[in-house]
Amino acid sequence: MEKYIQFQIAKINTVQFATVESAYPDVPGTKVETTSRLYFNIDHTNKYIRCGIDIGFENEKAPFIILDVNCEFSIAQESWQSCLREDNKIEFEKGFVQHLAVLTIGTARGVLHAKTENTKFNKYLLPTLNLTELFQENMIFEIRAI
């Protein structure tokens, strides 16, 4: 049975956004690939976990949409404490980090739409990602002194 973690979205950051007009695939049938990278980090002092996604839409020439969005999730003190381990690490259950990733990816979809609305770039949508394959184990972070 998974722990109940009390949290809220504290902040949304658009770290990077760019559209590259010169790399836009104008020719119909041009192969477009989507790259994505999820990342996580924690702030032990302020009790939050950050989940981000870095996305690129690329053709054979170059990337034409670049987006990096992250969400900072504030974790309640009691929930944070319940995840601490004795070896100076904190462990979050895979279902919880998967949920944070789903929220972050949904946020990134919204940012992508808002930033490209009423442009030719708007037809490119972030595809669905199978996060159950990605999160096979709990996520463990080392707590470092600042």
C-alpha atoms as a PDB file:
ATOM      1  CA  MET A   1       0.000   0.000   0.000  1.00  0.00           C
ATOM      2  CA  GLU A   2       1.381   3.370  -1.014  1.00  0.00           C
ATOM      3  CA  LYS A   3       1.884   6.218   1.428  1.00  0.00           C
ATOM      4  CA  TYR A   4      -0.363   9.227   1.208  1.00  0.00           C
ATOM      5  CA  ILE A   5       1.802  12.243   0.353  1.00  0.00           C
ATOM      6  CA  GLN A   6       0.248  15.642   0.913  1.00  0.00           C
ATOM      7  CA  PHE A   7       1.515  18.084  -1.718  1.00  0.00           C
ATOM      8  CA  GLN A   8       0.579  21.013  -3.904  1.00  0.00           C
ATOM      9  CA  ILE A   9       1.925  22.659  -7.036  1.00  0.00           C
ATOM     10  CA  ALA A  10       3.919  25.610  -5.723  1.00  0.00           C
ATOM     11  CA  LYS A  11       5.372  26.965  -8.951  1.00  0.00           C
ATOM     12  CA  ILE A  12       5.462  26.381 -12.703  1.00  0.00           C
ATOM     13  CA  ASN A  13       8.594  27.408 -14.593  1.00  0.00           C
ATOM     14  CA  THR A  14       9.016  27.718 -18.356  1.00  0.00           C
ATOM     15  CA  VAL A  15      12.779  27.323 -18.344  1.00  0.00           C
ATOM     16  CA  GLN A  16      13.160  27.479 -22.107  1.00  0.00           C
ATOM     17  CA  PHE A  17      10.915  27.961 -25.108  1.00  0.00           C
ATOM     18  CA  ALA A  18      11.898  28.593 -28.704  1.00  0.00           C
ATOM     19  CA  THR A  19      10.545  28.082 -32.180  1.00  0.00           C
ATOM     20  CA  VAL A  20      13.072  28.038 -34.996  1.00  0.00           C
ATOM     21  CA  GLU A  21      11.464  29.325 -38.177  1.00  0.00           C
ATOM     22  CA  SER A  22      14.382  28.332 -40.409  1.00  0.00           C
ATOM     23  CA  ALA A  23      14.147  24.688 -39.286  1.00  0.00           C
ATOM     24  CA  TYR A  24      10.356  24.403 -39.637  1.00  0.00           C
ATOM     25  CA  PRO A  25       9.480  21.361 -41.796  1.00  0.00           C
ATOM     26  CA  ASP A  26       7.681  23.108 -44.683  1.00  0.00           C
ATOM     27  CA  VAL A  27       7.739  20.098 -46.991  1.00  0.00           C
ATOM     28  CA  PRO A  28       4.756  17.745 -46.499  1.00  0.00           C
ATOM     29  CA  GLY A  29       5.826  14.297 -45.369  1.00  0.00           C
ATOM     30  CA  THR A  30       8.995  15.511 -43.655  1.00  0.00           C
ATOM     31  CA  LYS A  31       9.850  13.126 -40.847  1.00  0.00           C
ATOM     32  CA  VAL A  32       9.492  14.796 -37.436  1.00  0.00           C
ATOM     33  CA  GLU A  33      10.813  13.227 -34.253  1.00  0.00           C
ATOM     34  CA  THR A  34       9.981  14.160 -30.700  1.00  0.00           C
ATOM     35  CA  THR A  35      12.599  13.870 -28.003  1.00  0.00           C
ATOM     36  CA  SER A  36      11.831  14.182 -24.317  1.00  0.00           C
ATOM     37  CA  ARG A  37      13.708  13.890 -21.057  1.00  0.00           C
ATOM     38  CA  LEU A  38      12.138  13.846 -17.598  1.00  0.00           C
ATOM     39  CA  TYR A  39      14.179  15.080 -14.670  1.00  0.00           C
ATOM     40  CA  PHE A  40      13.712  15.366 -10.923  1.00  0.00           C
ATOM     41  CA  ASN A  41      15.504  17.053  -8.059  1.00  0.00           C
ATOM     42  CA  ILE A  42      14.706  17.991  -4.500  1.00  0.00           C
ATOM     43  CA  ASP A  43      15.173  20.877  -2.102  1.00  0.00           C
ATOM     44  CA  HIS A  44      15.402  19.375   1.368  1.00  0.00           C
ATOM     45  CA  THR A  45      15.478  22.754   3.115  1.00  0.00           C
ATOM     46  CA  ASN A  46      12.245  23.978   1.520  1.00  0.00           C
ATOM     47  CA  LYS A  47      10.627  20.515   1.266  1.00  0.00           C
ATOM     48  CA  TYR A  48       9.867  20.395  -2.412  1.00  0.00           C
ATOM     49  CA  ILE A  49      10.467  18.118  -5.344  1.00  0.00           C
ATOM     50  CA  ARG A  50      10.873  19.502  -8.844  1.00  0.00           C
ATOM     51  CA  CYS A  51       9.805  17.504 -11.882  1.00  0.00           C
ATOM     52  CA  GLY A  52      10.645  18.786 -15.331  1.00  0.00           C
ATOM     53  CA  ILE A  53      10.395  17.783 -18.938  1.00  0.00           C
ATOM     54  CA  ASP A  54      12.691  18.905 -21.721  1.00  0.00           C
ATOM     55  CA  ILE A  55      11.042  18.472 -25.138  1.00  0.00           C
ATOM     56  CA  GLY A  56      12.297  18.890 -28.687  1.00  0.00           C
ATOM     57  CA  PHE A  57      10.562  18.582 -32.032  1.00  0.00           C
ATOM     58  CA  GLU A  58      13.168  17.904 -34.697  1.00  0.00           C
ATOM     59  CA  ASN A  59      13.413  17.199 -38.397  1.00  0.00           C
ATOM     60  CA  GLU A  60      16.492  15.941 -40.207  1.00  0.00           C
ATOM     61  CA  LYS A  61      17.913  19.474 -40.257  1.00  0.00           C
ATOM     62  CA  ALA A  62      17.520  20.696 -36.695  1.00  0.00           C
ATOM     63  CA  PRO A  63      15.148  21.224 -33.784  1.00  0.00           C
ATOM     64  CA  PHE A  64      12.276  23.579 -34.604  1.00  0.00           C
ATOM     65  CA  ILE A  65      10.460  23.602 -31.229  1.00  0.00           C
ATOM     66  CA  ILE A  66      12.354  23.548 -27.940  1.00  0.00           C
ATOM     67  CA  LEU A  67      10.541  23.501 -24.602  1.00  0.00           C
ATOM     68  CA  ASP A  68      11.668  22.920 -21.016  1.00  0.00           C
ATOM     69  CA  VAL A  69       9.009  23.183 -18.304  1.00  0.00           C
ATOM     70  CA  ASN A  70       9.185  22.172 -14.662  1.00  0.00           C
ATOM     71  CA  CYS A  71       6.790  22.117 -11.756  1.00  0.00           C
ATOM     72  CA  GLU A  72       7.839  22.586  -8.149  1.00  0.00           C
ATOM     73  CA  PHE A  73       5.724  20.540  -5.766  1.00  0.00           C
ATOM     74  CA  SER A  74       5.666  21.604  -2.145  1.00  0.00           C
ATOM     75  CA  ILE A  75       5.485  18.599   0.183  1.00  0.00           C
ATOM     76  CA  ALA A  76       3.849  18.852   3.614  1.00  0.00           C
ATOM     77  CA  GLN A  77       6.335  18.549   6.508  1.00  0.00           C
ATOM     78  CA  GLU A  78       4.763  15.339   7.852  1.00  0.00           C
ATOM     79  CA  SER A  79       4.766  13.703   4.434  1.00  0.00           C
ATOM     80  CA  TRP A  80       8.385  14.721   3.841  1.00  0.00           C
ATOM     81  CA  GLN A  81       9.382  13.274   7.208  1.00  0.00           C
ATOM     82  CA  SER A  82       7.592  10.003   6.413  1.00  0.00           C
ATOM     83  CA  CYS A  83       9.771   9.543   3.330  1.00  0.00           C
ATOM     84  CA  LEU A  84      13.123  10.171   5.043  1.00  0.00           C
ATOM     85  CA  ARG A  85      15.428   7.193   5.472  1.00  0.00           C
ATOM     86  CA  GLU A  86      18.142   6.643   8.051  1.00  0.00           C
ATOM     87  CA  ASP A  87      20.924   6.721   5.429  1.00  0.00           C
ATOM     88  CA  ASN A  88      20.559  10.469   4.696  1.00  0.00           C
ATOM     89  CA  LYS A  89      18.301   9.802   1.708  1.00  0.00           C
ATOM     90  CA  ILE A  90      14.663  10.419   0.916  1.00  0.00           C
ATOM     91  CA  GLU A  91      12.548   7.869  -0.946  1.00  0.00           C
ATOM     92  CA  PHE A  92       9.371   8.601  -2.876  1.00  0.00           C
ATOM     93  CA  GLU A  93       7.204   5.740  -4.075  1.00  0.00           C
ATOM     94  CA  LYS A  94       7.083   5.150  -7.815  1.00  0.00           C
ATOM     95  CA  GLY A  95       3.337   5.823  -8.008  1.00  0.00           C
ATOM     96  CA  PHE A  96       3.822   9.245  -6.435  1.00  0.00           C
ATOM     97  CA  VAL A  97       6.651  10.345  -8.745  1.00  0.00           C
ATOM     98  CA  GLN A  98       4.701   8.968 -11.696  1.00  0.00           C
ATOM     99  CA  HIS A  99       1.766  11.170 -10.640  1.00  0.00           C
ATOM    100  CA  LEU A 100       4.066  14.219 -10.462  1.00  0.00           C
ATOM    101  CA  ALA A 101       5.353  13.398 -13.942  1.00  0.00           C
ATOM    102  CA  VAL A 102       1.795  13.150 -15.308  1.00  0.00           C
ATOM    103  CA  LEU A 103       0.980  16.581 -13.840  1.00  0.00           C
ATOM    104  CA  THR A 104       4.185  18.078 -15.252  1.00  0.00           C
ATOM    105  CA  ILE A 105       3.674  16.631 -18.730  1.00  0.00           C
ATOM    106  CA  GLY A 106       0.090  17.909 -18.780  1.00  0.00           C
ATOM    107  CA  THR A 107       1.370  21.330 -17.765  1.00  0.00           C
ATOM    108  CA  ALA A 108       3.978  21.217 -20.549  1.00  0.00           C
ATOM    109  CA  ARG A 109       1.243  20.377 -23.071  1.00  0.00           C
ATOM    110  CA  GLY A 110      -0.658  23.454 -21.977  1.00  0.00           C
ATOM    111  CA  VAL A 111       2.433  25.657 -22.155  1.00  0.00           C
ATOM    112  CA  LEU A 112       3.243  24.316 -25.638  1.00  0.00           C
ATOM    113  CA  HIS A 113      -0.284  25.046 -26.837  1.00  0.00           C
ATOM    114  CA  ALA A 114      -0.361  28.541 -25.315  1.00  0.00           C
ATOM    115  CA  LYS A 115       3.057  29.474 -26.709  1.00  0.00           C
ATOM    116  CA  THR A 116       2.236  28.259 -30.244  1.00  0.00           C
ATOM    117  CA  GLU A 117      -1.432  29.211 -30.450  1.00  0.00           C
ATOM    118  CA  ASN A 118      -2.341  30.883 -33.763  1.00  0.00           C
ATOM    119  CA  THR A 119       0.998  29.896 -35.314  1.00  0.00           C
ATOM    120  CA  LYS A 120       1.924  27.142 -37.742  1.00  0.00           C
ATOM    121  CA  PHE A 121       3.820  25.426 -34.894  1.00  0.00           C
ATOM    122  CA  ASN A 122       0.538  24.722 -33.069  1.00  0.00           C
ATOM    123  CA  LYS A 123      -0.122  21.530 -35.035  1.00  0.00           C
ATOM    124  CA  TYR A 124       2.698  19.800 -33.124  1.00  0.00           C
ATOM    125  CA  LEU A 125       1.470  18.228 -29.900  1.00  0.00           C
ATOM    126  CA  LEU A 126       3.363  16.390 -27.226  1.00  0.00           C
ATOM    127  CA  PRO A 127       2.548  12.704 -27.716  1.00  0.00           C
ATOM    128  CA  THR A 128       1.420  10.479 -24.889  1.00  0.00           C
ATOM    129  CA  LEU A 129       4.184   8.831 -22.890  1.00  0.00           C
ATOM    130  CA  ASN A 130       3.920   5.467 -21.141  1.00  0.00           C
ATOM    131  CA  LEU A 131       5.135   6.367 -17.675  1.00  0.00           C
ATOM    132  CA  THR A 132       4.453   2.935 -16.184  1.00  0.00           C
ATOM    133  CA  GLU A 133       7.396   1.650 -18.226  1.00  0.00           C
ATOM    134  CA  LEU A 134       9.582   4.491 -17.004  1.00  0.00           C
ATOM    135  CA  PHE A 135       8.875   4.171 -13.278  1.00  0.00           C
ATOM    136  CA  GLN A 136       9.714   0.630 -12.247  1.00  0.00           C
ATOM    137  CA  GLU A 137      11.128   1.450  -8.810  1.00  0.00           C
ATOM    138  CA  ASN A 138      10.827   4.036  -6.074  1.00  0.00           C
ATOM    139  CA  MET A 139      12.882   7.196  -6.566  1.00  0.00           C
ATOM    140  CA  ILE A 140      15.640   7.843  -4.031  1.00  0.00           C
ATOM    141  CA  PHE A 141      17.454  11.148  -3.575  1.00  0.00           C
ATOM    142  CA  GLU A 142      20.532  11.822  -1.524  1.00  0.00           C
ATOM    143  CA  ILE A 143      20.165  14.726   0.871  1.00  0.00           C
ATOM    144  CA  ARG A 144      23.160  17.002   0.594  1.00  0.00           C
ATOM    145  CA  ALA A 145      24.143  19.721   2.999  1.00  0.00           C
ATOM    146  CA  ILE A 146      24.301  23.184   1.469  1.00  0.00           C
END
